[in-house]
Amino acid sequence: MARYVGAVCRLCRREGMKLFLKGERCYTEKCAIEKRNFPPGQHGKARTRKAKLAGYGVQLREKQKVKRIYGVLEDQFRRYFEAAERQRGITGETLLQLLERRLDNVAYRMGLATSRPQARQLVRHGHLQVNERKVDVPSYSVRVGELISVRPTSQQDAAIQHALEEVKGRGVPEWLSFDAGKMSGRINSLPTREQINLPVQEQLIVELYSK
């Protein structure tokens, strides 16, 4: 499966905000945004002095930001958008809802990983199961009522144990429930826009694809 394999800190610097792609590092002074808060590249500092983006540029940056937060590439992101368009409701909110329902994102939201890239690896390596059946597809779309759990043979995995300890204070969204003792959680409902705590303007993405 195709995925971005470059330096993820460059992505945060390009968007000018923390995308929390490096887990614990993002909360320390080692974070790239803390050390070099300007776009990457030879002329990065010069770009900060240019006029602000407008129109297409703003819409493009918003799309890139959401793609990078969830770790999906262009073709896959467009398929999510097309699926959101076919459903009833507000297209932008439905798009975010579809992305939130990815299994790797749910694992991250439950606190089984310190970042979405780590959660993706957790799924790919077969550590998680849905309704007591192993699922190793990060893009698997969870449904209301499904039980997400760590496989019994993986519950003592050092990375998972470390993640659970590190993210104790982060909390779990209301649309999910999680029992740290049993290392399992359930999908209580589909996420609403208010429950998707992301600093994005999804309507700009809709406008971009509607041109």
Protein backbone atom coordinates (compact mmCIF):
# COMPACT_ATOMS: atom_id res chain seq x y z
CA MET A 1 0.00 0.00 0.00
CA ALA A 2 1.39 3.39 -1.00
CA ARG A 3 2.23 5.85 1.75
CA TYR A 4 4.39 8.90 2.38
CA VAL A 5 7.85 7.86 3.57
CA GLY A 6 9.60 11.23 3.74
CA ALA A 7 10.43 13.37 6.77
CA VAL A 8 7.09 14.09 8.46
CA CYS A 9 8.36 17.14 10.34
CA ARG A 10 8.67 18.87 6.96
CA LEU A 11 4.91 18.42 6.52
CA CYS A 12 4.17 20.24 9.77
CA ARG A 13 6.50 23.08 8.80
CA ARG A 14 4.91 23.33 5.35
CA GLU A 15 1.45 23.70 6.89
CA GLY A 16 2.70 26.05 9.59
CA MET A 17 1.13 24.06 12.42
CA LYS A 18 1.58 20.90 14.44
CA LEU A 19 -0.02 17.89 12.75
CA PHE A 20 1.12 15.59 15.59
CA LEU A 21 2.76 13.07 13.26
CA LYS A 22 5.64 12.22 15.59
CA GLY A 23 3.73 11.40 18.74
CA GLU A 24 5.56 12.37 21.93
CA ARG A 25 8.17 14.47 20.11
CA CYS A 26 5.45 16.94 19.08
CA TYR A 27 4.94 17.89 22.74
CA THR A 28 8.60 18.69 23.42
CA GLU A 29 11.01 21.48 22.51
CA LYS A 30 12.44 19.15 19.84
CA CYS A 31 9.32 19.67 17.70
CA ALA A 32 10.24 21.16 14.32
CA ILE A 33 7.60 23.88 14.65
CA GLU A 34 9.18 24.99 17.92
CA LYS A 35 12.69 25.09 16.44
CA ARG A 36 12.09 26.23 12.84
CA ASN A 37 8.64 27.67 12.36
CA PHE A 38 9.00 28.45 8.65
CA PRO A 39 8.46 26.43 5.44
CA PRO A 40 11.13 23.83 4.58
CA GLY A 41 13.59 24.28 1.75
CA GLN A 42 16.39 26.62 0.77
CA HIS A 43 14.07 29.61 0.51
CA GLY A 44 11.82 28.72 3.42
CA LYS A 45 12.47 31.86 5.43
CA ALA A 46 11.92 34.06 2.38
CA ARG A 47 8.48 32.52 1.82
CA THR A 48 7.32 33.74 5.21
CA ARG A 49 7.71 37.32 4.00
CA LYS A 50 5.51 36.88 0.94
CA ALA A 51 1.89 37.92 0.77
CA LYS A 52 -0.68 35.60 2.29
CA LEU A 53 -2.31 32.96 0.10
CA ALA A 54 -5.76 33.57 -1.31
CA GLY A 55 -8.38 31.66 -3.29
CA TYR A 56 -7.03 28.44 -4.77
CA GLY A 57 -3.89 28.54 -2.63
CA VAL A 58 -5.88 28.63 0.62
CA GLN A 59 -8.13 25.78 -0.53
CA LEU A 60 -5.17 23.67 -1.60
CA ARG A 61 -3.37 24.15 1.71
CA GLU A 62 -6.50 23.08 3.61
CA LYS A 63 -6.79 19.91 1.55
CA GLN A 64 -3.10 19.12 2.02
CA LYS A 65 -3.42 19.67 5.75
CA VAL A 66 -6.27 17.15 6.13
CA LYS A 67 -4.53 14.60 3.89
CA ARG A 68 -1.40 14.80 6.00
CA ILE A 69 -3.21 14.62 9.33
CA TYR A 70 -4.87 11.33 8.36
CA GLY A 71 -1.96 9.99 6.33
CA VAL A 72 -3.74 9.40 3.02
CA LEU A 73 -2.50 10.12 -0.50
CA GLU A 74 -4.27 12.08 -3.25
CA ASP A 75 -6.14 9.28 -5.04
CA GLN A 76 -7.43 7.80 -1.81
CA PHE A 77 -8.44 11.22 -0.49
CA ARG A 78 -10.40 11.94 -3.66
CA ARG A 79 -12.24 8.64 -3.26
CA TYR A 80 -13.22 9.67 0.26
CA PHE A 81 -14.48 12.98 -1.10
CA GLU A 82 -16.51 11.29 -3.84
CA ALA A 83 -18.02 8.93 -1.27
CA ALA A 84 -18.92 11.91 0.93
CA GLU A 85 -20.61 13.64 -2.02
CA ARG A 86 -22.84 10.63 -2.60
CA GLN A 87 -24.12 10.63 0.96
CA ARG A 88 -26.81 12.83 2.45
CA GLY A 89 -25.76 15.70 4.64
CA ILE A 90 -23.02 18.32 4.51
CA THR A 91 -20.25 17.03 2.25
CA GLY A 92 -17.35 18.54 4.21
CA GLU A 93 -18.53 17.14 7.53
CA THR A 94 -19.23 13.74 5.98
CA LEU A 95 -15.70 13.72 4.55
CA LEU A 96 -14.18 14.24 7.99
CA GLN A 97 -16.51 11.62 9.43
CA LEU A 98 -15.34 9.03 6.88
CA LEU A 99 -11.71 9.80 7.70
CA GLU A 100 -12.37 9.57 11.45
CA ARG A 101 -13.88 6.11 10.96
CA ARG A 102 -10.62 4.67 9.61
CA LEU A 103 -9.39 1.89 11.89
CA ASP A 104 -5.94 3.45 12.29
CA ASN A 105 -7.52 6.73 13.38
CA VAL A 106 -9.82 4.95 15.84
CA ALA A 107 -6.80 3.17 17.37
CA TYR A 108 -5.12 6.56 17.75
CA ARG A 109 -8.22 8.16 19.25
CA MET A 110 -8.52 5.33 21.78
CA GLY A 111 -4.95 5.90 22.91
CA LEU A 112 -3.41 2.69 21.59
CA ALA A 113 -0.78 4.73 19.74
CA THR A 114 0.86 8.11 20.26
CA SER A 115 0.37 9.15 16.62
CA ARG A 116 -1.65 8.12 13.59
CA PRO A 117 1.44 6.78 11.76
CA GLN A 118 2.16 4.54 14.74
CA ALA A 119 -1.50 3.45 14.81
CA ARG A 120 -1.29 2.59 11.11
CA GLN A 121 1.72 0.37 11.78
CA LEU A 122 -0.13 -1.23 14.70
CA VAL A 123 -2.97 -2.22 12.37
CA ARG A 124 -0.71 -3.37 9.53
CA HIS A 125 1.20 -5.67 11.89
CA GLY A 126 -2.03 -7.40 12.89
CA HIS A 127 -2.20 -6.30 16.53
CA LEU A 128 -5.86 -5.23 16.39
CA GLN A 129 -9.12 -7.05 15.88
CA VAL A 130 -12.66 -5.95 15.10
CA ASN A 131 -15.44 -8.00 16.68
CA GLU A 132 -12.75 -10.50 17.73
CA ARG A 133 -11.49 -11.00 14.18
CA LYS A 134 -8.06 -9.76 13.09
CA VAL A 135 -8.13 -6.79 10.72
CA ASP A 136 -4.86 -5.51 9.24
CA VAL A 137 -6.24 -2.88 6.86
CA PRO A 138 -5.69 0.67 8.22
CA SER A 139 -8.45 2.12 6.01
CA TYR A 140 -11.07 -0.31 7.34
CA SER A 141 -14.18 1.78 8.10
CA VAL A 142 -15.62 1.04 11.52
CA ARG A 143 -19.36 0.91 12.13
CA VAL A 144 -21.53 1.76 15.12
CA GLY A 145 -21.54 -1.04 17.68
CA GLU A 146 -18.31 -2.68 16.56
CA LEU A 147 -15.81 -3.79 19.20
CA ILE A 148 -12.18 -2.78 18.63
CA SER A 149 -9.63 -4.63 20.73
CA VAL A 150 -5.97 -5.54 20.99
CA ARG A 151 -5.31 -9.19 20.21
CA PRO A 152 -4.58 -11.25 23.36
CA THR A 153 -1.11 -12.12 22.08
CA SER A 154 -0.30 -8.41 21.61
CA GLN A 155 -1.58 -6.96 24.89
CA GLN A 156 1.86 -7.01 26.49
CA ASP A 157 3.48 -5.33 23.50
CA ALA A 158 5.88 -2.66 24.82
CA ALA A 159 4.84 -0.02 22.24
CA ILE A 160 1.15 -0.37 23.12
CA GLN A 161 1.82 -0.30 26.85
CA HIS A 162 3.99 2.78 26.42
CA ALA A 163 1.34 4.53 24.33
CA LEU A 164 -1.40 3.85 26.89
CA GLU A 165 0.78 5.36 29.60
CA GLU A 166 1.76 8.42 27.53
CA VAL A 167 -1.72 9.45 26.38
CA LYS A 168 -3.63 9.02 29.65
CA GLY A 169 -4.48 12.70 29.83
CA ARG A 170 -5.58 13.02 26.20
CA GLY A 171 -9.03 11.55 26.72
CA VAL A 172 -11.28 9.58 24.37
CA PRO A 173 -13.88 11.27 22.11
CA GLU A 174 -17.51 10.91 23.16
CA TRP A 175 -18.36 8.79 20.13
CA LEU A 176 -15.96 6.12 21.39
CA SER A 177 -15.61 4.21 24.65
CA PHE A 178 -12.43 2.48 25.81
CA ASP A 179 -11.56 0.14 28.67
CA ALA A 180 -7.81 0.29 29.28
CA GLY A 181 -7.95 -2.79 31.48
CA LYS A 182 -9.46 -4.95 28.76
CA MET A 183 -7.66 -3.03 25.98
CA SER A 184 -10.88 -2.80 24.02
CA GLY A 185 -13.32 -0.13 23.00
CA ARG A 186 -16.60 0.25 21.18
CA ILE A 187 -18.01 2.59 18.54
CA ASN A 188 -20.91 4.27 20.34
CA SER A 189 -22.02 6.50 17.47
CA LEU A 190 -20.77 8.22 14.35
CA PRO A 191 -18.70 11.32 15.14
CA THR A 192 -20.31 14.73 14.81
CA ARG A 193 -18.38 17.77 13.58
CA GLU A 194 -18.22 19.13 17.13
CA GLN A 195 -16.57 15.90 18.28
CA ILE A 196 -13.92 16.01 15.54
CA ASN A 197 -11.47 18.37 17.18
CA LEU A 198 -9.45 19.49 14.18
CA PRO A 199 -8.50 23.07 13.20
CA VAL A 200 -9.60 22.69 9.58
CA GLN A 201 -12.12 24.42 7.32
CA GLU A 202 -13.57 21.51 5.39
CA GLN A 203 -15.79 23.77 3.27
CA LEU A 204 -12.64 25.04 1.51
CA ILE A 205 -11.93 21.46 0.39
CA VAL A 206 -15.45 21.14 -0.99
CA GLU A 207 -14.97 24.38 -2.92
CA LEU A 208 -11.64 23.15 -4.29
CA TYR A 209 -13.05 19.90 -5.66
CA SER A 210 -16.20 21.61 -6.94
CA LYS A 211 -14.32 23.76 -9.46
